[in-house]
Amino acid sequence: MEKGGRRVVDEDLVKLLILIDRTGSLLSASSSLGLSYSRAWEAVARLERALG
């Protein structure tokens, strides 16, 4: 997904969002993907900022 010519959603972010939906937990989703909680949090925050 792009906004203003910038890619805002990639395959890894889609995986993270799906796992957040399934587990109801950012911590659980990030752990499942081998990401730190802070890195996952920042990815979601970047998406929120990009989409406004």
C-alpha atoms as a PDB file:
ATOM      1  CA  MET A   1       0.000   0.000   0.000  1.00  0.00           C
ATOM      2  CA  GLU A   2       1.280   3.423  -0.903  1.00  0.00           C
ATOM      3  CA  LYS A   3       0.330   6.921   0.113  1.00  0.00           C
ATOM      4  CA  GLY A   4       1.817   9.953  -1.557  1.00  0.00           C
ATOM      5  CA  GLY A   5       4.204   7.739  -3.514  1.00  0.00           C
ATOM      6  CA  ARG A   6       5.591   6.203  -0.314  1.00  0.00           C
ATOM      7  CA  ARG A   7       5.124   2.595   0.651  1.00  0.00           C
ATOM      8  CA  VAL A   8       3.399   2.506   4.034  1.00  0.00           C
ATOM      9  CA  VAL A   9       2.516  -1.188   4.287  1.00  0.00           C
ATOM     10  CA  ASP A  10       4.816  -4.058   3.420  1.00  0.00           C
ATOM     11  CA  GLU A  11       4.502  -7.816   3.833  1.00  0.00           C
ATOM     12  CA  ASP A  12       6.112  -7.843   7.291  1.00  0.00           C
ATOM     13  CA  LEU A  13       3.758  -5.184   8.594  1.00  0.00           C
ATOM     14  CA  VAL A  14       0.768  -7.097   7.222  1.00  0.00           C
ATOM     15  CA  LYS A  15       1.952 -10.204   9.104  1.00  0.00           C
ATOM     16  CA  LEU A  16       2.297  -8.159  12.286  1.00  0.00           C
ATOM     17  CA  LEU A  17      -1.179  -6.654  11.923  1.00  0.00           C
ATOM     18  CA  ILE A  18      -2.746 -10.061  11.281  1.00  0.00           C
ATOM     19  CA  LEU A  19      -1.085 -11.496  14.388  1.00  0.00           C
ATOM     20  CA  ILE A  20      -2.168  -8.509  16.483  1.00  0.00           C
ATOM     21  CA  ASP A  21      -5.730  -9.140  15.320  1.00  0.00           C
ATOM     22  CA  ARG A  22      -5.539 -12.872  16.052  1.00  0.00           C
ATOM     23  CA  THR A  23      -3.852 -12.623  19.444  1.00  0.00           C
ATOM     24  CA  GLY A  24      -5.178  -9.274  20.618  1.00  0.00           C
ATOM     25  CA  SER A  25      -1.674  -8.457  21.795  1.00  0.00           C
ATOM     26  CA  LEU A  26       1.186  -6.473  20.301  1.00  0.00           C
ATOM     27  CA  LEU A  27       3.618  -8.266  22.610  1.00  0.00           C
ATOM     28  CA  SER A  28       2.466 -11.711  21.538  1.00  0.00           C
ATOM     29  CA  ALA A  29       2.454 -10.760  17.858  1.00  0.00           C
ATOM     30  CA  SER A  30       5.922  -9.233  17.992  1.00  0.00           C
ATOM     31  CA  SER A  31       7.319 -12.232  19.865  1.00  0.00           C
ATOM     32  CA  SER A  32       5.853 -14.607  17.275  1.00  0.00           C
ATOM     33  CA  LEU A  33       7.689 -12.717  14.539  1.00  0.00           C
ATOM     34  CA  GLY A  34      10.949 -12.392  16.465  1.00  0.00           C
ATOM     35  CA  LEU A  35      10.599  -8.618  16.754  1.00  0.00           C
ATOM     36  CA  SER A  36      11.189  -6.552  19.836  1.00  0.00           C
ATOM     37  CA  TYR A  37       8.087  -4.954  21.301  1.00  0.00           C
ATOM     38  CA  SER A  38       9.518  -1.485  20.693  1.00  0.00           C
ATOM     39  CA  ARG A  39      10.241  -2.220  17.032  1.00  0.00           C
ATOM     40  CA  ALA A  40       6.705  -3.541  16.509  1.00  0.00           C
ATOM     41  CA  TRP A  41       5.243  -0.533  18.338  1.00  0.00           C
ATOM     42  CA  GLU A  42       7.203   1.847  16.117  1.00  0.00           C
ATOM     43  CA  ALA A  43       6.055   0.029  12.952  1.00  0.00           C
ATOM     44  CA  VAL A  44       2.411   0.428  13.970  1.00  0.00           C
ATOM     45  CA  ALA A  45       2.977   4.056  14.994  1.00  0.00           C
ATOM     46  CA  ARG A  46       4.603   4.822  11.609  1.00  0.00           C
ATOM     47  CA  LEU A  47       1.586   3.333   9.854  1.00  0.00           C
ATOM     48  CA  GLU A  48      -0.792   5.429  11.962  1.00  0.00           C
ATOM     49  CA  ARG A  49       1.164   8.597  11.167  1.00  0.00           C
ATOM     50  CA  ALA A  50       1.303   7.774   7.450  1.00  0.00           C
ATOM     51  CA  LEU A  51      -2.412   7.115   7.205  1.00  0.00           C
ATOM     52  CA  GLY A  52      -3.331  10.098   9.331  1.00  0.00           C
END
